[in-house]
Amino acid sequence: MAFAKAAKVGEIGEGTCKAVIVNGKKLALYKVSGKFYATADLCNHRGGPLSEGSLSANEITCPWHGGKFDVCTGAPMGGPVHKNIEIFPVRVEGDDVEIDVED
């Protein structure tokens, strides 16, 4: 595993999402119930930016066609999506949020 810094803890408020790039990969970073989660930023339906979607509890809704995913598990939750979105391990080291992205 090779964790890399994605953001500062204070940059992401509870119930919000932020687009980040880690090792050249576009990701969406979420804070849900005090814990951080990361998924691919692009919806697997038509490539919509999940980081620009609406987050309700642990469910992100793609702004383009309404596909919904569980940000904790990557599971599809509704709309035109049927496959899991890729998820990535996240940890907090000091004031940094780090994501493990394979090179």
PDB file of N, CA and C in Angstrom:
ATOM      1  N   MET A   1       0.839  -1.180   0.000  1.00  0.00           N
ATOM      2  CA  MET A   1       0.000   0.000   0.000  1.00  0.00           C
ATOM      3  C   MET A   1       0.881   1.239   0.000  1.00  0.00           C
ATOM      4  N   ALA A   2       0.440   2.231  -0.742  1.00  0.00           N
ATOM      5  CA  ALA A   2       1.180   3.483  -0.809  1.00  0.00           C
ATOM      6  C   ALA A   2       0.209   4.637  -0.618  1.00  0.00           C
ATOM      7  N   PHE A   3      -0.002   5.011   0.629  1.00  0.00           N
ATOM      8  CA  PHE A   3      -0.899   6.124   0.910  1.00  0.00           C
ATOM      9  C   PHE A   3      -0.228   7.434   0.509  1.00  0.00           C
ATOM     10  N   ALA A   4      -1.028   8.358  -0.028  1.00  0.00           N
ATOM     11  CA  ALA A   4      -0.534   9.674  -0.417  1.00  0.00           C
ATOM     12  C   ALA A   4      -1.507  10.733   0.083  1.00  0.00           C
ATOM     13  N   LYS A   5      -0.967  11.890   0.427  1.00  0.00           N
ATOM     14  CA  LYS A   5      -1.789  12.981   0.951  1.00  0.00           C
ATOM     15  C   LYS A   5      -2.792  13.442  -0.102  1.00  0.00           C
ATOM     16  N   ALA A   6      -4.051  13.590   0.330  1.00  0.00           N
ATOM     17  CA  ALA A   6      -5.107  14.055  -0.562  1.00  0.00           C
ATOM     18  C   ALA A   6      -5.642  15.418  -0.148  1.00  0.00           C
ATOM     19  N   ALA A   7      -5.685  15.683   1.161  1.00  0.00           N
ATOM     20  CA  ALA A   7      -6.253  16.932   1.671  1.00  0.00           C
ATOM     21  C   ALA A   7      -5.900  17.073   3.141  1.00  0.00           C
ATOM     22  N   LYS A   8      -6.191  18.238   3.685  1.00  0.00           N
ATOM     23  CA  LYS A   8      -6.107  18.472   5.122  1.00  0.00           C
ATOM     24  C   LYS A   8      -7.458  18.124   5.730  1.00  0.00           C
ATOM     25  N   VAL A   9      -7.462  17.616   6.942  1.00  0.00           N
ATOM     26  CA  VAL A   9      -8.693  17.221   7.622  1.00  0.00           C
ATOM     27  C   VAL A   9      -9.713  18.362   7.616  1.00  0.00           C
ATOM     28  N   GLY A  10      -9.270  19.590   7.892  1.00  0.00           N
ATOM     29  CA  GLY A  10     -10.169  20.737   7.979  1.00  0.00           C
ATOM     30  C   GLY A  10     -10.757  21.206   6.661  1.00  0.00           C
ATOM     31  N   GLU A  11     -10.263  20.687   5.534  1.00  0.00           N
ATOM     32  CA  GLU A  11     -10.768  21.114   4.224  1.00  0.00           C
ATOM     33  C   GLU A  11     -12.108  20.488   3.867  1.00  0.00           C
ATOM     34  N   ILE A  12     -12.498  19.433   4.572  1.00  0.00           N
ATOM     35  CA  ILE A  12     -13.709  18.699   4.203  1.00  0.00           C
ATOM     36  C   ILE A  12     -14.646  18.671   5.398  1.00  0.00           C
ATOM     37  N   GLY A  13     -15.741  19.399   5.283  1.00  0.00           N
ATOM     38  CA  GLY A  13     -16.713  19.445   6.366  1.00  0.00           C
ATOM     39  C   GLY A  13     -17.593  18.209   6.383  1.00  0.00           C
ATOM     40  N   GLU A  14     -18.236  17.999   7.501  1.00  0.00           N
ATOM     41  CA  GLU A  14     -19.160  16.868   7.652  1.00  0.00           C
ATOM     42  C   GLU A  14     -20.245  16.935   6.573  1.00  0.00           C
ATOM     43  N   GLY A  15     -20.490  15.805   5.914  1.00  0.00           N
ATOM     44  CA  GLY A  15     -21.535  15.718   4.897  1.00  0.00           C
ATOM     45  C   GLY A  15     -21.200  16.410   3.593  1.00  0.00           C
ATOM     46  N   THR A  16     -19.898  16.626   3.349  1.00  0.00           N
ATOM     47  CA  THR A  16     -19.491  17.274   2.104  1.00  0.00           C
ATOM     48  C   THR A  16     -18.532  16.383   1.322  1.00  0.00           C
ATOM     49  N   CYS A  17     -18.230  16.850   0.115  1.00  0.00           N
ATOM     50  CA  CYS A  17     -17.398  16.098  -0.821  1.00  0.00           C
ATOM     51  C   CYS A  17     -16.415  17.053  -1.478  1.00  0.00           C
ATOM     52  N   LYS A  18     -15.255  16.547  -1.839  1.00  0.00           N
ATOM     53  CA  LYS A  18     -14.224  17.361  -2.487  1.00  0.00           C
ATOM     54  C   LYS A  18     -13.533  16.530  -3.560  1.00  0.00           C
ATOM     55  N   ALA A  19     -13.300  17.136  -4.712  1.00  0.00           N
ATOM     56  CA  ALA A  19     -12.524  16.487  -5.769  1.00  0.00           C
ATOM     57  C   ALA A  19     -11.046  16.600  -5.418  1.00  0.00           C
ATOM     58  N   VAL A  20     -10.321  15.499  -5.556  1.00  0.00           N
ATOM     59  CA  VAL A  20      -8.881  15.489  -5.304  1.00  0.00           C
ATOM     60  C   VAL A  20      -8.203  14.662  -6.395  1.00  0.00           C
ATOM     61  N   ILE A  21      -6.925  14.925  -6.593  1.00  0.00           N
ATOM     62  CA  ILE A  21      -6.124  14.112  -7.511  1.00  0.00           C
ATOM     63  C   ILE A  21      -4.984  13.512  -6.700  1.00  0.00           C
ATOM     64  N   VAL A  22      -4.895  12.190  -6.722  1.00  0.00           N
ATOM     65  CA  VAL A  22      -3.852  11.473  -5.988  1.00  0.00           C
ATOM     66  C   VAL A  22      -3.155  10.532  -6.968  1.00  0.00           C
ATOM     67  N   ASN A  23      -1.851  10.692  -7.087  1.00  0.00           N
ATOM     68  CA  ASN A  23      -1.065   9.884  -8.035  1.00  0.00           C
ATOM     69  C   ASN A  23      -1.670   9.915  -9.433  1.00  0.00           C
ATOM     70  N   GLY A  24      -2.154  11.082  -9.850  1.00  0.00           N
ATOM     71  CA  GLY A  24      -2.708  11.259 -11.187  1.00  0.00           C
ATOM     72  C   GLY A  24      -4.123  10.747 -11.372  1.00  0.00           C
ATOM     73  N   LYS A  25      -4.743  10.250 -10.321  1.00  0.00           N
ATOM     74  CA  LYS A  25      -6.097   9.684 -10.415  1.00  0.00           C
ATOM     75  C   LYS A  25      -7.107  10.652  -9.797  1.00  0.00           C
ATOM     76  N   LYS A  26      -8.196  10.934 -10.551  1.00  0.00           N
ATOM     77  CA  LYS A  26      -9.249  11.818 -10.057  1.00  0.00           C
ATOM     78  C   LYS A  26     -10.159  11.050  -9.107  1.00  0.00           C
ATOM     79  N   LEU A  27     -10.267  11.562  -7.874  1.00  0.00           N
ATOM     80  CA  LEU A  27     -11.059  10.911  -6.838  1.00  0.00           C
ATOM     81  C   LEU A  27     -12.030  11.900  -6.213  1.00  0.00           C
ATOM     82  N   ALA A  28     -13.044  11.358  -5.561  1.00  0.00           N
ATOM     83  CA  ALA A  28     -13.955  12.153  -4.747  1.00  0.00           C
ATOM     84  C   ALA A  28     -13.733  11.726  -3.303  1.00  0.00           C
ATOM     85  N   LEU A  29     -13.537  12.703  -2.428  1.00  0.00           N
ATOM     86  CA  LEU A  29     -13.282  12.449  -1.012  1.00  0.00           C
ATOM     87  C   LEU A  29     -14.471  12.972  -0.212  1.00  0.00           C
ATOM     88  N   TYR A  30     -15.027  12.132   0.650  1.00  0.00           N
ATOM     89  CA  TYR A  30     -16.244  12.446   1.400  1.00  0.00           C
ATOM     90  C   TYR A  30     -15.981  12.353   2.899  1.00  0.00           C
ATOM     91  N   LYS A  31     -16.785  13.111   3.679  1.00  0.00           N
ATOM     92  CA  LYS A  31     -16.772  12.953   5.133  1.00  0.00           C
ATOM     93  C   LYS A  31     -18.194  12.632   5.570  1.00  0.00           C
ATOM     94  N   VAL A  32     -18.364  11.427   6.119  1.00  0.00           N
ATOM     95  CA  VAL A  32     -19.674  10.932   6.536  1.00  0.00           C
ATOM     96  C   VAL A  32     -19.562  10.423   7.971  1.00  0.00           C
ATOM     97  N   SER A  33     -20.370  10.961   8.857  1.00  0.00           N
ATOM     98  CA  SER A  33     -20.381  10.548  10.274  1.00  0.00           C
ATOM     99  C   SER A  33     -18.981  10.569  10.890  1.00  0.00           C
ATOM    100  N   GLY A  34     -18.227  11.617  10.549  1.00  0.00           N
ATOM    101  CA  GLY A  34     -16.902  11.796  11.122  1.00  0.00           C
ATOM    102  C   GLY A  34     -15.799  10.968  10.500  1.00  0.00           C
ATOM    103  N   LYS A  35     -16.116  10.187   9.480  1.00  0.00           N
ATOM    104  CA  LYS A  35     -15.133   9.311   8.838  1.00  0.00           C
ATOM    105  C   LYS A  35     -14.984   9.702   7.365  1.00  0.00           C
ATOM    106  N   PHE A  36     -13.775   9.513   6.830  1.00  0.00           N
ATOM    107  CA  PHE A  36     -13.498   9.858   5.437  1.00  0.00           C
ATOM    108  C   PHE A  36     -13.593   8.626   4.539  1.00  0.00           C
ATOM    109  N   TYR A  37     -14.107   8.852   3.322  1.00  0.00           N
ATOM    110  CA  TYR A  37     -14.241   7.799   2.311  1.00  0.00           C
ATOM    111  C   TYR A  37     -13.793   8.370   0.971  1.00  0.00           C
ATOM    112  N   ALA A  38     -13.310   7.510   0.086  1.00  0.00           N
ATOM    113  CA  ALA A  38     -12.887   7.954  -1.240  1.00  0.00           C
ATOM    114  C   ALA A  38     -13.395   6.988  -2.300  1.00  0.00           C
ATOM    115  N   THR A  39     -13.869   7.578  -3.409  1.00  0.00           N
ATOM    116  CA  THR A  39     -14.291   6.796  -4.573  1.00  0.00           C
ATOM    117  C   THR A  39     -13.666   7.416  -5.816  1.00  0.00           C
ATOM    118  N   ALA A  40     -13.768   6.699  -6.924  1.00  0.00           N
ATOM    119  CA  ALA A  40     -13.449   7.309  -8.206  1.00  0.00           C
ATOM    120  C   ALA A  40     -14.363   8.523  -8.350  1.00  0.00           C
ATOM    121  N   ASP A  41     -13.883   9.589  -8.973  1.00  0.00           N
ATOM    122  CA  ASP A  41     -14.715  10.791  -9.109  1.00  0.00           C
ATOM    123  C   ASP A  41     -15.701  10.669 -10.261  1.00  0.00           C
ATOM    124  N   LEU A  42     -15.421   9.804 -11.212  1.00  0.00           N
ATOM    125  CA  LEU A  42     -16.281   9.707 -12.388  1.00  0.00           C
ATOM    126  C   LEU A  42     -17.302   8.590 -12.238  1.00  0.00           C
ATOM    127  N   CYS A  43     -18.562   8.941 -12.425  1.00  0.00           N
ATOM    128  CA  CYS A  43     -19.654   7.969 -12.383  1.00  0.00           C
ATOM    129  C   CYS A  43     -19.433   6.931 -13.481  1.00  0.00           C
ATOM    130  N   ASN A  44     -19.677   5.669 -13.168  1.00  0.00           N
ATOM    131  CA  ASN A  44     -19.450   4.619 -14.165  1.00  0.00           C
ATOM    132  C   ASN A  44     -20.596   4.484 -15.162  1.00  0.00           C
ATOM    133  N   HIS A  45     -21.580   5.373 -15.093  1.00  0.00           N
ATOM    134  CA  HIS A  45     -22.670   5.374 -16.076  1.00  0.00           C
ATOM    135  C   HIS A  45     -22.266   6.173 -17.309  1.00  0.00           C
ATOM    136  N   ARG A  46     -21.985   7.464 -17.139  1.00  0.00           N
ATOM    137  CA  ARG A  46     -21.598   8.314 -18.261  1.00  0.00           C
ATOM    138  C   ARG A  46     -20.468   9.279 -17.930  1.00  0.00           C
ATOM    139  N   GLY A  47     -19.773   9.028 -16.825  1.00  0.00           N
ATOM    140  CA  GLY A  47     -18.600   9.836 -16.502  1.00  0.00           C
ATOM    141  C   GLY A  47     -18.869  11.149 -15.792  1.00  0.00           C
ATOM    142  N   GLY A  48     -20.041  11.309 -15.213  1.00  0.00           N
ATOM    143  CA  GLY A  48     -20.346  12.534 -14.470  1.00  0.00           C
ATOM    144  C   GLY A  48     -19.451  12.678 -13.248  1.00  0.00           C
ATOM    145  N   PRO A  49     -19.149  13.921 -12.846  1.00  0.00           N
ATOM    146  CA  PRO A  49     -18.273  14.162 -11.697  1.00  0.00           C
ATOM    147  C   PRO A  49     -19.013  13.974 -10.373  1.00  0.00           C
ATOM    148  N   LEU A  50     -18.759  12.880  -9.692  1.00  0.00           N
ATOM    149  CA  LEU A  50     -19.446  12.606  -8.430  1.00  0.00           C
ATOM    150  C   LEU A  50     -19.155  13.668  -7.379  1.00  0.00           C
ATOM    151  N   SER A  51     -17.970  14.269  -7.420  1.00  0.00           N
ATOM    152  CA  SER A  51     -17.621  15.300  -6.439  1.00  0.00           C
ATOM    153  C   SER A  51     -18.506  16.536  -6.565  1.00  0.00           C
ATOM    154  N   GLU A  52     -19.220  16.671  -7.667  1.00  0.00           N
ATOM    155  CA  GLU A  52     -20.146  17.790  -7.857  1.00  0.00           C
ATOM    156  C   GLU A  52     -21.587  17.379  -7.577  1.00  0.00           C
ATOM    157  N   GLY A  53     -21.782  16.133  -7.157  1.00  0.00           N
ATOM    158  CA  GLY A  53     -23.117  15.629  -6.856  1.00  0.00           C
ATOM    159  C   GLY A  53     -23.564  16.014  -5.462  1.00  0.00           C
ATOM    160  N   SER A  54     -24.743  15.530  -5.088  1.00  0.00           N
ATOM    161  CA  SER A  54     -25.253  15.820  -3.746  1.00  0.00           C
ATOM    162  C   SER A  54     -25.059  14.601  -2.850  1.00  0.00           C
ATOM    163  N   LEU A  55     -24.566  14.863  -1.645  1.00  0.00           N
ATOM    164  CA  LEU A  55     -24.295  13.819  -0.666  1.00  0.00           C
ATOM    165  C   LEU A  55     -25.363  13.880   0.413  1.00  0.00           C
ATOM    166  N   SER A  56     -26.053  12.768   0.605  1.00  0.00           N
ATOM    167  CA  SER A  56     -27.065  12.657   1.651  1.00  0.00           C
ATOM    168  C   SER A  56     -26.738  11.414   2.466  1.00  0.00           C
ATOM    169  N   ALA A  57     -26.383  11.624   3.735  1.00  0.00           N
ATOM    170  CA  ALA A  57     -25.888  10.532   4.585  1.00  0.00           C
ATOM    171  C   ALA A  57     -24.698   9.905   3.865  1.00  0.00           C
ATOM    172  N   ASN A  58     -24.755   8.621   3.526  1.00  0.00           N
ATOM    173  CA  ASN A  58     -23.623   7.964   2.866  1.00  0.00           C
ATOM    174  C   ASN A  58     -23.873   7.745   1.373  1.00  0.00           C
ATOM    175  N   GLU A  59     -24.835   8.466   0.802  1.00  0.00           N
ATOM    176  CA  GLU A  59     -25.218   8.255  -0.597  1.00  0.00           C
ATOM    177  C   GLU A  59     -24.904   9.485  -1.444  1.00  0.00           C
ATOM    178  N   ILE A  60     -24.079   9.289  -2.492  1.00  0.00           N
ATOM    179  CA  ILE A  60     -23.772  10.364  -3.433  1.00  0.00           C
ATOM    180  C   ILE A  60     -24.636  10.183  -4.673  1.00  0.00           C
ATOM    181  N   THR A  61     -25.193  11.292  -5.166  1.00  0.00           N
ATOM    182  CA  THR A  61     -26.014  11.271  -6.374  1.00  0.00           C
ATOM    183  C   THR A  61     -25.272  12.008  -7.475  1.00  0.00           C
ATOM    184  N   CYS A  62     -25.052  11.342  -8.598  1.00  0.00           N
ATOM    185  CA  CYS A  62     -24.368  11.946  -9.736  1.00  0.00           C
ATOM    186  C   CYS A  62     -25.206  13.113 -10.271  1.00  0.00           C
ATOM    187  N   PRO A  63     -24.568  14.255 -10.546  1.00  0.00           N
ATOM    188  CA  PRO A  63     -25.318  15.410 -11.023  1.00  0.00           C
ATOM    189  C   PRO A  63     -25.815  15.280 -12.466  1.00  0.00           C
ATOM    190  N   TRP A  64     -25.289  14.334 -13.224  1.00  0.00           N
ATOM    191  CA  TRP A  64     -25.688  14.228 -14.626  1.00  0.00           C
ATOM    192  C   TRP A  64     -26.975  13.440 -14.835  1.00  0.00           C
ATOM    193  N   HIS A  65     -27.058  12.227 -14.325  1.00  0.00           N
ATOM    194  CA  HIS A  65     -28.222  11.382 -14.605  1.00  0.00           C
ATOM    195  C   HIS A  65     -28.848  10.766 -13.360  1.00  0.00           C
ATOM    196  N   GLY A  66     -28.405  11.197 -12.176  1.00  0.00           N
ATOM    197  CA  GLY A  66     -29.038  10.749 -10.941  1.00  0.00           C
ATOM    198  C   GLY A  66     -28.624   9.388 -10.428  1.00  0.00           C
ATOM    199  N   GLY A  67     -27.529   8.832 -10.944  1.00  0.00           N
ATOM    200  CA  GLY A  67     -27.039   7.567 -10.404  1.00  0.00           C
ATOM    201  C   GLY A  67     -26.627   7.753  -8.954  1.00  0.00           C
ATOM    202  N   LYS A  68     -26.920   6.773  -8.115  1.00  0.00           N
ATOM    203  CA  LYS A  68     -26.629   6.874  -6.682  1.00  0.00           C
ATOM    204  C   LYS A  68     -25.716   5.733  -6.245  1.00  0.00           C
ATOM    205  N   PHE A  69     -24.736   6.087  -5.402  1.00  0.00           N
ATOM    206  CA  PHE A  69     -23.787   5.107  -4.877  1.00  0.00           C
ATOM    207  C   PHE A  69     -23.621   5.285  -3.378  1.00  0.00           C
ATOM    208  N   ASP A  70     -23.380   4.183  -2.693  1.00  0.00           N
ATOM    209  CA  ASP A  70     -22.994   4.206  -1.286  1.00  0.00           C
ATOM    210  C   ASP A  70     -21.497   4.504  -1.255  1.00  0.00           C
ATOM    211  N   VAL A  71     -21.094   5.632  -0.668  1.00  0.00           N
ATOM    212  CA  VAL A  71     -19.680   6.012  -0.683  1.00  0.00           C
ATOM    213  C   VAL A  71     -18.825   5.135   0.234  1.00  0.00           C
ATOM    214  N   CYS A  72     -19.456   4.422   1.152  1.00  0.00           N
ATOM    215  CA  CYS A  72     -18.717   3.538   2.065  1.00  0.00           C
ATOM    216  C   CYS A  72     -18.353   2.213   1.405  1.00  0.00           C
ATOM    217  N   THR A  73     -19.251   1.699   0.570  1.00  0.00           N
ATOM    218  CA  THR A  73     -19.053   0.375  -0.039  1.00  0.00           C
ATOM    219  C   THR A  73     -18.866   0.412  -1.548  1.00  0.00           C
ATOM    220  N   GLY A  74     -19.273   1.519  -2.183  1.00  0.00           N
ATOM    221  CA  GLY A  74     -19.231   1.622  -3.637  1.00  0.00           C
ATOM    222  C   GLY A  74     -20.447   1.028  -4.323  1.00  0.00           C
ATOM    223  N   ALA A  75     -21.371   0.453  -3.570  1.00  0.00           N
ATOM    224  CA  ALA A  75     -22.535  -0.231  -4.147  1.00  0.00           C
ATOM    225  C   ALA A  75     -23.491   0.749  -4.828  1.00  0.00           C
ATOM    226  N   PRO A  76     -24.064   0.341  -5.978  1.00  0.00           N
ATOM    227  CA  PRO A  76     -25.082   1.170  -6.626  1.00  0.00           C
ATOM    228  C   PRO A  76     -26.348   1.186  -5.772  1.00  0.00           C
ATOM    229  N   MET A  77     -26.974   2.364  -5.666  1.00  0.00           N
ATOM    230  CA  MET A  77     -28.143   2.521  -4.800  1.00  0.00           C
ATOM    231  C   MET A  77     -29.392   2.962  -5.562  1.00  0.00           C
ATOM    232  N   GLY A  78     -29.253   3.237  -6.853  1.00  0.00           N
ATOM    233  CA  GLY A  78     -30.424   3.655  -7.616  1.00  0.00           C
ATOM    234  C   GLY A  78     -30.036   4.428  -8.855  1.00  0.00           C
ATOM    235  N   GLY A  79     -31.048   4.757  -9.649  1.00  0.00           N
ATOM    236  CA  GLY A  79     -30.805   5.463 -10.899  1.00  0.00           C
ATOM    237  C   GLY A  79     -30.303   4.504 -11.960  1.00  0.00           C
ATOM    238  N   PRO A  80     -29.633   5.037 -12.975  1.00  0.00           N
ATOM    239  CA  PRO A  80     -29.216   4.201 -14.106  1.00  0.00           C
ATOM    240  C   PRO A  80     -27.918   3.428 -13.887  1.00  0.00           C
ATOM    241  N   VAL A  81     -27.470   3.271 -12.652  1.00  0.00           N
ATOM    242  CA  VAL A  81     -26.204   2.567 -12.400  1.00  0.00           C
ATOM    243  C   VAL A  81     -26.467   1.170 -11.857  1.00  0.00           C
ATOM    244  N   HIS A  82     -25.609   0.234 -12.269  1.00  0.00           N
ATOM    245  CA  HIS A  82     -25.783  -1.164 -11.869  1.00  0.00           C
ATOM    246  C   HIS A  82     -24.500  -1.803 -11.355  1.00  0.00           C
ATOM    247  N   LYS A  83     -23.365  -1.105 -11.517  1.00  0.00           N
ATOM    248  CA  LYS A  83     -22.075  -1.641 -11.078  1.00  0.00           C
ATOM    249  C   LYS A  83     -21.525  -0.796  -9.937  1.00  0.00           C
ATOM    250  N   ASN A  84     -20.747  -1.428  -9.074  1.00  0.00           N
ATOM    251  CA  ASN A  84     -20.082  -0.695  -7.995  1.00  0.00           C
ATOM    252  C   ASN A  84     -19.136   0.348  -8.563  1.00  0.00           C
ATOM    253  N   ILE A  85     -19.015   1.453  -7.845  1.00  0.00           N
ATOM    254  CA  ILE A  85     -18.000   2.452  -8.156  1.00  0.00           C
ATOM    255  C   ILE A  85     -16.742   2.044  -7.383  1.00  0.00           C
ATOM    256  N   GLU A  86     -15.577   2.326  -7.934  1.00  0.00           N
ATOM    257  CA  GLU A  86     -14.330   1.955  -7.271  1.00  0.00           C
ATOM    258  C   GLU A  86     -14.144   2.759  -5.980  1.00  0.00           C
ATOM    259  N   ILE A  87     -13.767   2.078  -4.908  1.00  0.00           N
ATOM    260  CA  ILE A  87     -13.488   2.741  -3.635  1.00  0.00           C
ATOM    261  C   ILE A  87     -12.018   2.554  -3.284  1.00  0.00           C
ATOM    262  N   PHE A  88     -11.511   3.430  -2.415  1.00  0.00           N
ATOM    263  CA  PHE A  88     -10.097   3.423  -2.058  1.00  0.00           C
ATOM    264  C   PHE A  88      -9.933   3.539  -0.548  1.00  0.00           C
ATOM    265  N   PRO A  89      -8.939   2.857   0.025  1.00  0.00           N
ATOM    266  CA  PRO A  89      -8.677   2.978   1.459  1.00  0.00           C
ATOM    267  C   PRO A  89      -8.258   4.409   1.821  1.00  0.00           C
ATOM    268  N   VAL A  90      -8.748   4.884   2.959  1.00  0.00           N
ATOM    269  CA  VAL A  90      -8.442   6.235   3.445  1.00  0.00           C
ATOM    270  C   VAL A  90      -7.966   6.131   4.892  1.00  0.00           C
ATOM    271  N   ARG A  91      -7.006   6.969   5.244  1.00  0.00           N
ATOM    272  CA  ARG A  91      -6.571   7.061   6.635  1.00  0.00           C
ATOM    273  C   ARG A  91      -6.261   8.524   6.953  1.00  0.00           C
ATOM    274  N   VAL A  92      -6.250   8.835   8.236  1.00  0.00           N
ATOM    275  CA  VAL A  92      -5.869  10.163   8.708  1.00  0.00           C
ATOM    276  C   VAL A  92      -4.550  10.021   9.451  1.00  0.00           C
ATOM    277  N   GLU A  93      -3.578  10.811   9.028  1.00  0.00           N
ATOM    278  CA  GLU A  93      -2.262  10.853   9.672  1.00  0.00           C
ATOM    279  C   GLU A  93      -2.023  12.294  10.103  1.00  0.00           C
ATOM    280  N   GLY A  94      -2.124  12.542  11.406  1.00  0.00           N
ATOM    281  CA  GLY A  94      -1.992  13.914  11.894  1.00  0.00           C
ATOM    282  C   GLY A  94      -3.145  14.745  11.366  1.00  0.00           C
ATOM    283  N   ASP A  95      -2.827  15.799  10.597  1.00  0.00           N
ATOM    284  CA  ASP A  95      -3.842  16.682  10.016  1.00  0.00           C
ATOM    285  C   ASP A  95      -4.094  16.362   8.540  1.00  0.00           C
ATOM    286  N   ASP A  96      -3.493  15.287   8.044  1.00  0.00           N
ATOM    287  CA  ASP A  96      -3.612  14.939   6.629  1.00  0.00           C
ATOM    288  C   ASP A  96      -4.564  13.769   6.406  1.00  0.00           C
ATOM    289  N   VAL A  97      -5.367  13.890   5.360  1.00  0.00           N
ATOM    290  CA  VAL A  97      -6.184  12.769   4.898  1.00  0.00           C
ATOM    291  C   VAL A  97      -5.406  12.128   3.758  1.00  0.00           C
ATOM    292  N   GLU A  98      -5.141  10.845   3.875  1.00  0.00           N
ATOM    293  CA  GLU A  98      -4.355  10.129   2.877  1.00  0.00           C
ATOM    294  C   GLU A  98      -5.186   9.021   2.243  1.00  0.00           C
ATOM    295  N   ILE A  99      -4.965   8.821   0.945  1.00  0.00           N
ATOM    296  CA  ILE A  99      -5.690   7.800   0.189  1.00  0.00           C
ATOM    297  C   ILE A  99      -4.676   6.860  -0.445  1.00  0.00           C
ATOM    298  N   ASP A 100      -4.994   5.577  -0.423  1.00  0.00           N
ATOM    299  CA  ASP A 100      -4.140   4.565  -1.043  1.00  0.00           C
ATOM    300  C   ASP A 100      -4.608   4.338  -2.474  1.00  0.00           C
ATOM    301  N   VAL A 101      -3.797   4.793  -3.414  1.00  0.00           N
ATOM    302  CA  VAL A 101      -4.096   4.627  -4.837  1.00  0.00           C
ATOM    303  C   VAL A 101      -2.935   3.880  -5.469  1.00  0.00           C
ATOM    304  N   GLU A 102      -3.243   2.753  -6.095  1.00  0.00           N
ATOM    305  CA  GLU A 102      -2.199   1.992  -6.794  1.00  0.00           C
ATOM    306  C   GLU A 102      -1.664   2.832  -7.939  1.00  0.00           C
ATOM    307  N   ASP A 103      -0.354   2.789  -8.148  1.00  0.00           N
ATOM    308  CA  ASP A 103       0.261   3.519  -9.275  1.00  0.00           C
ATOM    309  C   ASP A 103      -0.043   2.845 -10.584  1.00  0.00           C
TER     310      ASP A 103
END
